[in-house]
Amino acid sequence: MTEALLRAEMVRWGASLFGRGLTPGSSGNISVRLEDGYLVTPTNACLGFLEADRISKLEAGGRHISGDAPTKELPLHLAFHAARPSARAVVHLHSTYATLLSCLADVDPDDAMPPITPYVVMRVGRVPIVPYTMPGSADVAPLIASKAPQHAAILLGNHGPVVAGASLEAAIFAIEELEETAKLLILSRGLPIQTLPAEAVAALEQKFPLR
């Protein structure tokens, strides 16, 4: 896909996420890997009103070369891309239920999202939580580096979800599935939940490997 088409896709998906209330105000950010660098949503930009020619372009090393200044969450995105070289896109949102899940004290930090549906296994995988860091801080990079090689999705403590995918569409679908699963988990709190058996999870992971 050409750079122009990728810019248009970022605008289209950003508007879709914002329009459905998955990330409010100027929260959330998207990055897409190019052959020679990255496209990144600008700082303080609302995903609902992105302009293709103002999207930030970075060289492969992360230096800003054109467009508006990139999101302050650049350390988060670059760390995720570095840890998952096969990923083509990274999406970070402040979606309601996943963000709430990242704030709960009794969630398993190694497995915040039990396999209650096949689609969370197929599109999201096991989701760890990393400790809180100030938004935009480079302190998040080593935390992401320690988890992202094994996990395509991570919850940032007291902050929200971040997901990598083999394409921008795949990353969008995965973070939507993560939010829906978080919603199911929050709504079912206090109820006995039946998770998928281990052999079913293993079969799904084998047939639908995450990149």
Foldseek 3Di string as FASTA:
>chain_A
DDLLVVLVVQLVVLLVCVVVPFADQQFKKKWFADPFFIWIAAARHRSNDDDSQQTWTAGNVGHTDDHHHHHLQVLVFNLLCVLPVLFGMKIWGCGPLQLVLLADPPAAQFARFFAQDLVLLQQWNGEHEDEADPRSDNVCNVVCNVPNNPGQKYAYRNGGIMGTASGPVSRSVNVVVVSVSSVVCVVCPPHDGDHDDPVSSVVSCVVRPTD
